[in-house]
Protein backbone atom coordinates (compact mmCIF):
# COMPACT_ATOMS: atom_id res chain seq x y z
CA MET A 1 -8.17 21.16 4.22
CA ALA A 2 -6.55 18.16 2.56
CA VAL A 3 -6.08 14.91 4.46
CA ASP A 4 -4.11 11.87 3.42
CA GLU A 5 -1.94 9.05 4.63
CA THR A 6 1.22 7.40 3.37
CA LYS A 7 3.22 4.33 4.24
CA VAL A 8 6.71 4.90 5.69
CA GLU A 9 9.25 2.36 6.86
CA VAL A 10 10.80 3.00 10.27
CA ASP A 11 13.50 0.62 11.49
CA GLY A 12 12.17 -2.11 9.20
CA THR A 13 8.56 -1.64 10.32
CA GLU A 14 5.91 -0.15 8.07
CA VAL A 15 3.72 2.56 9.65
CA PHE A 16 1.17 4.97 8.24
CA VAL A 17 1.62 8.72 8.59
CA TRP A 18 -1.69 10.61 8.52
CA THR A 19 -1.52 14.33 7.75
CA ALA A 20 -3.88 17.29 7.44
CA VAL A 21 -2.73 20.36 5.48
CA ASP A 22 -4.46 23.72 5.06
CA CYS A 23 -4.82 24.15 1.27
CA GLU A 24 -4.72 27.96 1.47
CA THR A 25 -1.77 28.52 3.80
CA LEU A 26 0.07 25.20 3.16
CA GLU A 27 0.34 24.86 6.95
CA VAL A 28 0.58 21.32 8.32
CA LEU A 29 -2.31 21.19 10.79
CA HIS A 30 -1.92 17.73 12.28
CA VAL A 31 0.21 14.60 11.90
CA ASP A 32 -0.43 11.18 13.41
CA VAL A 33 1.23 7.76 13.03
CA THR A 34 -0.57 4.41 13.20
CA PRO A 35 0.52 0.81 12.63
CA GLY A 36 -2.40 0.23 10.22
CA ARG A 37 -4.67 1.96 7.75
CA SER A 38 -8.30 1.23 8.53
CA SER A 39 -11.57 3.12 8.73
CA LEU A 40 -11.15 3.28 12.50
CA ASP A 41 -7.67 4.80 12.13
CA ALA A 42 -9.12 7.35 9.67
CA LEU A 43 -12.01 8.17 12.01
CA LEU A 44 -9.76 8.76 15.01
CA PHE A 45 -7.42 10.93 12.93
CA LEU A 46 -10.23 13.00 11.40
CA ARG A 47 -11.92 13.52 14.76
CA GLU A 48 -8.68 14.80 16.24
CA VAL A 49 -8.16 17.15 13.29
CA LEU A 50 -11.71 18.52 13.48
CA GLU A 51 -11.43 19.13 17.23
CA GLN A 52 -8.66 21.63 16.46
CA CYS A 53 -10.71 23.52 13.88
CA ARG A 54 -13.34 26.19 14.22
CA GLY A 55 -16.54 25.02 12.62
CA CYS A 56 -16.44 22.17 10.15
CA PRO A 57 -14.07 22.89 7.25
CA LEU A 58 -14.33 21.29 3.84
CA LEU A 59 -12.28 18.08 3.95
CA ARG A 60 -10.56 16.88 0.82
CA ALA A 61 -9.65 13.19 0.87
CA ASP A 62 -8.61 10.68 -1.76
CA ARG A 63 -10.80 7.78 -2.81
CA GLY A 64 -9.35 5.33 -0.27
CA PRO A 65 -12.17 3.11 1.03
CA TRP A 66 -10.98 3.66 4.63
CA TYR A 67 -12.43 7.22 4.39
CA ASP A 68 -15.97 6.17 3.37
CA TRP A 69 -17.43 5.39 6.79
CA PRO A 70 -15.62 8.15 8.77
CA LEU A 71 -16.61 10.93 6.36
CA GLU A 72 -20.26 9.88 6.45
CA LEU A 73 -20.23 9.45 10.25
CA LEU A 74 -18.66 12.87 10.91
CA ASP A 75 -21.38 14.59 8.91
CA CYS A 76 -19.17 17.36 7.54
CA GLU A 77 -18.67 18.71 4.06
CA TYR A 78 -16.10 16.78 2.04
CA GLU A 79 -14.79 16.16 -1.47
CA ARG A 80 -13.16 13.00 -2.75
CA GLU A 81 -10.47 13.77 -5.31
CA THR A 82 -7.28 12.19 -6.52
CA TRP A 83 -5.33 15.33 -7.47
CA GLY A 84 -6.33 19.00 -7.50
CA ASN A 85 -5.91 20.63 -4.08
CA ARG A 86 -4.80 17.30 -2.62
CA SER A 87 -1.57 17.44 -4.66
CA LEU A 88 -0.26 19.81 -1.96
CA ILE A 89 -0.29 17.03 0.59
CA GLU A 90 1.36 14.63 -1.86
CA ALA A 91 4.21 17.14 -2.24
CA TRP A 92 4.57 17.29 1.56
CA PHE A 93 4.73 13.49 1.72
CA GLY A 94 7.46 13.55 -0.94
CA LEU A 95 9.52 15.86 1.26
CA LEU A 96 8.81 13.74 4.36
CA LYS A 97 9.96 10.54 2.62
CA TYR A 98 13.06 12.25 1.25
CA ARG A 99 14.01 13.55 4.70
CA THR A 100 13.38 10.21 6.44
CA ARG A 101 15.55 8.35 3.90
CA ARG A 102 18.42 10.70 4.78
CA PHE A 103 18.50 9.43 8.38
């Protein structure tokens, strides 16, 4: 499962959209929106994602420092990568930003 966040502007206000995508099925598993991007925001998002999963799946996250503490605290298997399987979520964010600009 790949997790990531991106900044989106909504009515002149910047918010962060957090998303989890299944790397095998390309299914969007969970989306959340927060006003900031902190380790606490990441922890709350990851906990919510993991509550919906059976077991503890391999999490793939980028190297953002806001993931350091939550990934260690959750004690699950994870990989930190910039591209690779995570590029799927970047493609989804591209579509999201394109669609939101159209409104």
